[in-house]
Amino acid sequence: MSTNRISAYFLAPRFAYIFAVLPPMFWSGNFLIARVLRDDIPPIQMSFWRWVVALLILFPFAAPQMRGLGAQIREELPFLCAMGAVGITAFNCFLYAALHQTTVVNASLINTLMPVITFVLALVVLRDRLRPLQIGGVLVAVAGAVVLIGRGEISGIAALAPNRGDLLVLGGVTFWAVYTVLIRWRPTKLPIRVFLLITMGLGALFHLPLVAWEVSAQGGFSVTTATAAGILYFAIFPSVLSYLIWNKAVAVIGPGRTGMYMYLMPFFGAVLGVWLLDEDFFPYHLAGIALILFGITLVNRPEQQK
């Protein structure tokens, strides 16, 4: 059976619903391993080597599809540069820097604010129409983020400086929302593997000045079994496999249904953080995620027919 036939078989609707669970689980594992290796690999180098190895893995599968696409690639190059800078460099550097300073539980929960931030940016950039119910949903979700970042106390907001990690997660989520809106604003005409290969390559390239600065300021890192295994996980699971599976699932069951699986990340993140890292799960975590999910439900509620 050919690779394409195997892919089509296992991503038929009855299987696509199952496979769509994998990217959120892999992305939650990304949070976990980044947190575990925070003392072994500096954050920018962690992000850089993740994408260099992912690029090497994807290259043999994507390069053959690039034949005859030179003109299209040159036409889209400014857009591809923007996508690499925002979705690969900025998002991941912010995320890994955050996981050096905050917990997997908090990072996963704050990550659920991504759909709301995306919605607000789409309103500004794409002029999407905003209904009163959606305004309420955005406000409720923002309140949930405030509860999480403030650790359930108003005084916690004033004391954010000791825990900049939560703000860095929020910054990373915002960059990913920009990436998502840009995809919708100007969809690429390139095959998905080619698009990913080029944006990964450009994103890795944009890391270089930051890597040089970090090495001069903090030094490099030792290649051990743990660091090599961690980078290999980053490259294979939350990078190449997650992106390809996610895009396949979107094509089979639709973006709306697939997007709902992102809300599994708080569950996976909390389970992994509490189970493997012995992190605490407090009542404010539950309150914050409840507010965010309720807000997202309001934002995505279909408009009633009149």
Protein backbone atom coordinates (compact mmCIF):
# COMPACT_ATOMS: atom_id res chain seq x y z
CA MET A 1 0.00 0.00 0.00
CA SER A 2 1.44 3.41 -0.99
CA THR A 3 2.22 6.16 1.52
CA ASN A 4 -0.59 8.32 0.13
CA ARG A 5 -3.12 5.48 0.42
CA ILE A 6 -2.02 4.74 3.99
CA SER A 7 -2.35 8.44 4.85
CA ALA A 8 -5.79 8.64 3.25
CA TYR A 9 -6.94 5.49 5.08
CA PHE A 10 -5.83 6.50 8.56
CA LEU A 11 -7.04 10.08 8.15
CA ALA A 12 -10.51 9.08 7.03
CA PRO A 13 -13.10 10.89 9.19
CA ARG A 14 -13.42 8.04 11.70
CA PHE A 15 -9.65 8.10 12.33
CA ALA A 16 -9.05 11.84 11.88
CA TYR A 17 -11.01 12.57 15.05
CA ILE A 18 -8.60 10.31 16.92
CA PHE A 19 -5.43 11.61 15.29
CA ALA A 20 -6.42 15.24 15.98
CA VAL A 21 -5.81 14.51 19.67
CA LEU A 22 -2.09 13.95 19.01
CA PRO A 23 -0.88 17.51 18.22
CA PRO A 24 -2.23 19.04 21.48
CA MET A 25 -0.68 16.13 23.39
CA PHE A 26 2.67 16.59 21.59
CA TRP A 27 2.57 20.36 22.20
CA SER A 28 1.88 19.78 25.89
CA GLY A 29 4.85 17.40 25.95
CA ASN A 30 6.87 20.22 24.40
CA PHE A 31 6.01 22.38 27.43
CA LEU A 32 6.96 19.58 29.81
CA ILE A 33 10.35 18.76 28.29
CA ALA A 34 11.27 22.42 27.87
CA ARG A 35 10.55 22.88 31.57
CA VAL A 36 12.61 19.79 32.51
CA LEU A 37 15.61 20.95 30.43
CA ARG A 38 15.43 24.61 31.45
CA ASP A 39 18.71 24.37 33.37
CA ASP A 40 20.47 22.42 30.60
CA ILE A 41 19.66 24.34 27.41
CA PRO A 42 19.25 28.14 27.18
CA PRO A 43 15.86 29.06 25.67
CA ILE A 44 16.92 30.61 22.35
CA GLN A 45 19.34 27.77 21.61
CA MET A 46 16.59 25.32 22.56
CA SER A 47 14.30 26.88 19.97
CA PHE A 48 17.04 27.18 17.33
CA TRP A 49 18.17 23.55 17.44
CA ARG A 50 14.58 22.34 17.53
CA TRP A 51 13.93 23.93 14.15
CA VAL A 52 17.30 23.05 12.62
CA VAL A 53 16.72 19.36 13.35
CA ALA A 54 13.07 19.60 12.23
CA LEU A 55 14.28 21.17 8.98
CA LEU A 56 16.68 18.27 8.38
CA ILE A 57 13.92 15.74 9.05
CA LEU A 58 11.38 17.43 6.76
CA PHE A 59 13.80 18.26 3.93
CA PRO A 60 13.83 14.86 2.12
CA PHE A 61 10.02 14.81 2.09
CA ALA A 62 9.47 18.43 1.04
CA ALA A 63 12.39 19.15 -1.29
CA PRO A 64 11.06 17.07 -4.23
CA GLN A 65 7.86 19.13 -4.19
CA MET A 66 9.84 22.35 -4.67
CA ARG A 67 10.65 21.58 -8.32
CA GLY A 68 9.11 24.17 -10.61
CA LEU A 69 7.97 26.39 -7.71
CA GLY A 70 10.84 28.89 -7.84
CA ALA A 71 8.72 31.73 -9.23
CA GLN A 72 5.94 31.14 -6.68
CA ILE A 73 8.44 31.00 -3.81
CA ARG A 74 10.05 34.27 -4.91
CA GLU A 75 6.63 35.90 -5.17
CA GLU A 76 5.69 34.81 -1.64
CA LEU A 77 9.13 35.38 -0.11
CA PRO A 78 8.25 38.54 1.92
CA PHE A 79 5.20 36.75 3.32
CA LEU A 80 7.23 33.60 4.05
CA CYS A 81 9.84 35.72 5.87
CA ALA A 82 7.13 37.27 8.03
CA MET A 83 5.66 33.85 8.83
CA GLY A 84 9.07 32.45 9.75
CA ALA A 85 9.90 35.44 11.95
CA VAL A 86 6.55 35.44 13.78
CA GLY A 87 5.49 31.78 13.88
CA ILE A 88 8.90 30.10 14.22
CA THR A 89 11.35 32.57 15.77
CA ALA A 90 9.31 34.92 17.98
CA PHE A 91 6.66 32.48 19.18
CA ASN A 92 9.09 29.73 20.15
CA CYS A 93 11.72 31.98 21.73
CA PHE A 94 9.05 33.58 23.92
CA LEU A 95 7.62 30.17 24.83
CA TYR A 96 10.92 28.58 25.81
CA ALA A 97 12.01 31.66 27.73
CA ALA A 98 8.67 31.51 29.57
CA LEU A 99 9.12 27.85 30.51
CA HIS A 100 12.37 28.74 32.21
CA GLN A 101 10.31 30.90 34.60
CA THR A 102 6.78 29.49 34.90
CA THR A 103 5.15 26.09 35.32
CA VAL A 104 3.83 23.71 32.67
CA VAL A 105 0.37 24.00 34.25
CA ASN A 106 0.28 27.79 33.99
CA ALA A 107 1.76 27.84 30.47
CA SER A 108 -0.83 25.32 29.24
CA LEU A 109 -3.72 27.19 30.82
CA ILE A 110 -2.67 30.63 29.55
CA ASN A 111 -2.24 29.04 26.11
CA THR A 112 -6.02 28.53 25.98
CA LEU A 113 -6.36 32.28 25.56
CA MET A 114 -4.95 31.93 22.03
CA PRO A 115 -8.33 31.61 20.23
CA VAL A 116 -9.60 34.80 21.87
CA ILE A 117 -6.47 36.79 20.98
CA THR A 118 -6.72 35.44 17.44
CA PHE A 119 -10.32 36.55 17.29
CA VAL A 120 -9.47 40.09 18.42
CA LEU A 121 -6.62 40.37 15.90
CA ALA A 122 -8.90 39.08 13.16
CA LEU A 123 -11.35 41.80 14.10
CA VAL A 124 -8.66 44.46 13.69
CA VAL A 125 -6.87 43.09 10.63
CA LEU A 126 -9.63 41.29 8.74
CA ARG A 127 -12.54 43.50 9.86
CA ASP A 128 -14.52 40.54 11.17
CA ARG A 129 -17.85 41.64 12.58
CA LEU A 130 -18.06 41.76 16.36
CA ARG A 131 -21.34 40.88 18.09
CA PRO A 132 -22.21 41.90 21.68
CA LEU A 133 -22.10 38.27 22.82
CA GLN A 134 -18.58 37.94 21.41
CA ILE A 135 -17.47 41.11 23.20
CA GLY A 136 -18.72 39.55 26.42
CA GLY A 137 -16.87 36.32 25.62
CA VAL A 138 -13.60 38.17 25.07
CA LEU A 139 -13.98 40.01 28.39
CA VAL A 140 -14.77 36.79 30.27
CA ALA A 141 -11.75 35.01 28.75
CA VAL A 142 -9.48 37.94 29.57
CA ALA A 143 -10.78 37.79 33.15
CA GLY A 144 -9.76 34.12 33.23
CA ALA A 145 -6.25 34.99 32.06
CA VAL A 146 -6.04 37.67 34.77
CA VAL A 147 -7.02 35.09 37.39
CA LEU A 148 -4.28 32.74 36.18
CA ILE A 149 -1.56 35.37 35.86
CA GLY A 150 -2.49 36.94 39.22
CA ARG A 151 -2.52 33.52 40.93
CA GLY A 152 -6.10 34.09 41.98
CA GLU A 153 -5.34 37.33 43.84
CA ILE A 154 -5.62 40.94 42.71
CA SER A 155 -2.37 41.64 44.53
CA GLY A 156 -0.74 39.04 42.29
CA ILE A 157 -1.12 41.33 39.27
CA ALA A 158 0.97 44.00 40.98
CA ALA A 159 3.62 41.41 41.80
CA LEU A 160 4.12 40.05 38.29
CA ALA A 161 7.80 40.97 38.07
CA PRO A 162 9.09 37.93 39.99
CA ASN A 163 7.23 35.65 37.58
CA ARG A 164 7.69 37.08 34.11
CA GLY A 165 7.10 33.62 32.65
CA ASP A 166 3.34 34.05 32.49
CA LEU A 167 3.71 37.33 30.59
CA LEU A 168 6.17 35.69 28.20
CA VAL A 169 3.64 32.91 27.53
CA LEU A 170 1.06 35.59 26.80
CA GLY A 171 3.51 37.28 24.42
CA GLY A 172 4.22 34.00 22.65
CA VAL A 173 0.51 33.26 22.33
CA THR A 174 0.03 36.69 20.78
CA PHE A 175 2.73 36.00 18.19
CA TRP A 176 1.05 32.70 17.31
CA ALA A 177 -2.28 34.52 16.95
CA VAL A 178 -0.59 36.95 14.53
CA TYR A 179 0.76 33.96 12.59
CA THR A 180 -2.72 32.43 12.41
CA VAL A 181 -4.34 35.67 11.22
CA LEU A 182 -1.65 36.14 8.57
CA ILE A 183 -2.37 32.66 7.22
CA ARG A 184 -6.01 33.58 6.85
CA TRP A 185 -5.22 37.05 5.50
CA ARG A 186 -2.99 35.70 2.76
CA PRO A 187 -3.22 31.92 2.28
CA THR A 188 -0.13 30.41 0.67
CA LYS A 189 -0.40 28.71 -2.71
CA LEU A 190 2.54 26.44 -1.93
CA PRO A 191 2.16 22.77 -0.90
CA ILE A 192 2.03 22.53 2.88
CA ARG A 193 5.34 20.65 3.16
CA VAL A 194 7.12 23.27 1.04
CA PHE A 195 5.52 26.09 3.04
CA LEU A 196 6.64 24.49 6.32
CA LEU A 197 10.15 23.76 5.03
CA ILE A 198 10.74 27.34 3.90
CA THR A 199 9.24 28.98 6.98
CA MET A 200 11.23 26.63 9.23
CA GLY A 201 14.42 27.47 7.35
CA LEU A 202 13.81 31.22 7.49
CA GLY A 203 12.78 31.00 11.14
CA ALA A 204 15.99 29.13 12.00
CA LEU A 205 17.98 31.75 10.09
CA PHE A 206 16.33 34.59 12.03
CA HIS A 207 17.41 32.90 15.27
CA LEU A 208 21.12 33.39 14.51
CA PRO A 209 21.63 36.94 15.91
CA LEU A 210 19.70 35.95 19.03
CA VAL A 211 21.73 32.76 19.41
CA ALA A 212 24.98 34.73 19.08
CA TRP A 213 23.82 37.14 21.79
CA GLU A 214 22.69 34.34 24.12
CA VAL A 215 25.93 32.36 23.70
CA SER A 216 28.00 35.47 24.47
CA ALA A 217 25.85 36.26 27.53
CA GLN A 218 25.14 32.77 28.93
CA GLY A 219 27.35 30.34 27.05
CA GLY A 220 26.31 27.26 25.13
CA PHE A 221 25.19 23.88 26.44
CA SER A 222 26.57 20.39 26.69
CA VAL A 223 25.26 17.73 24.34
CA THR A 224 24.19 14.88 26.60
CA THR A 225 21.80 12.00 26.15
CA ALA A 226 19.07 14.06 27.83
CA THR A 227 19.57 17.25 25.79
CA ALA A 228 19.91 15.35 22.50
CA ALA A 229 16.76 13.32 23.23
CA GLY A 230 14.89 16.49 24.19
CA ILE A 231 15.82 18.33 20.98
CA LEU A 232 14.94 15.25 18.94
CA TYR A 233 11.52 15.16 20.61
CA PHE A 234 11.01 18.88 19.91
CA ALA A 235 11.90 18.38 16.25
CA ILE A 236 9.84 15.26 15.56
CA PHE A 237 6.68 15.49 17.63
CA PRO A 238 5.62 19.13 18.31
CA SER A 239 7.23 20.31 15.07
CA VAL A 240 7.07 18.03 12.01
CA LEU A 241 4.43 15.48 13.04
CA SER A 242 2.12 17.93 14.82
CA TYR A 243 2.09 20.40 11.93
CA LEU A 244 1.47 17.70 9.32
CA ILE A 245 -1.18 15.83 11.34
CA TRP A 246 -2.93 19.07 12.27
CA ASN A 247 -3.15 20.24 8.67
CA LYS A 248 -4.37 16.82 7.51
CA ALA A 249 -7.04 16.77 10.22
CA VAL A 250 -8.18 20.27 9.23
CA ALA A 251 -8.54 19.07 5.63
CA VAL A 252 -10.58 16.01 6.65
CA ILE A 253 -12.86 17.21 9.46
CA GLY A 254 -12.68 20.97 9.01
CA PRO A 255 -10.92 23.81 10.85
CA GLY A 256 -13.73 24.44 13.34
CA ARG A 257 -13.90 20.90 14.68
CA THR A 258 -10.14 20.48 14.61
CA GLY A 259 -9.59 23.77 16.42
CA MET A 260 -11.66 22.55 19.36
CA TYR A 261 -8.95 19.99 20.10
CA MET A 262 -6.65 22.84 21.19
CA TYR A 263 -8.72 22.99 24.37
CA LEU A 264 -7.23 19.62 25.35
CA MET A 265 -3.90 21.33 26.02
CA PRO A 266 -4.83 22.52 29.54
CA PHE A 267 -5.84 18.96 30.38
CA PHE A 268 -2.65 17.39 29.00
CA GLY A 269 -0.49 20.17 30.44
CA ALA A 270 -2.01 19.91 33.90
CA VAL A 271 -1.81 16.10 33.94
CA LEU A 272 1.82 16.05 32.76
CA GLY A 273 2.89 18.90 35.04
CA VAL A 274 1.24 17.51 38.16
CA TRP A 275 2.06 13.86 37.46
CA LEU A 276 5.65 14.07 36.19
CA LEU A 277 6.95 17.35 37.65
CA ASP A 278 4.99 17.29 40.91
CA GLU A 279 3.62 20.78 40.17
CA ASP A 280 0.69 22.05 42.22
CA PHE A 281 -2.82 22.48 40.87
CA PHE A 282 -4.71 25.15 42.79
CA PRO A 283 -8.38 26.21 42.77
CA TYR A 284 -7.46 29.39 40.86
CA HIS A 285 -6.23 27.20 37.99
CA LEU A 286 -9.68 25.62 37.74
CA ALA A 287 -11.41 29.01 38.02
CA GLY A 288 -9.18 30.56 35.37
CA ILE A 289 -9.61 27.77 32.83
CA ALA A 290 -13.37 27.70 33.44
CA LEU A 291 -13.61 31.43 32.67
CA ILE A 292 -11.42 31.13 29.56
CA LEU A 293 -13.38 28.18 28.15
CA PHE A 294 -16.70 29.87 28.89
CA GLY A 295 -15.46 33.01 27.15
CA ILE A 296 -14.29 31.01 24.14
CA THR A 297 -17.70 29.29 23.99
CA LEU A 298 -19.40 32.69 23.85
CA VAL A 299 -16.98 33.95 21.18
CA ASN A 300 -17.61 30.90 18.96
CA ARG A 301 -21.36 30.66 19.55
CA PRO A 302 -23.12 30.84 16.16
CA GLU A 303 -25.26 33.86 15.46
CA GLN A 304 -28.95 33.13 15.92
CA GLN A 305 -31.11 33.37 12.86
CA LYS A 306 -33.67 36.14 12.97
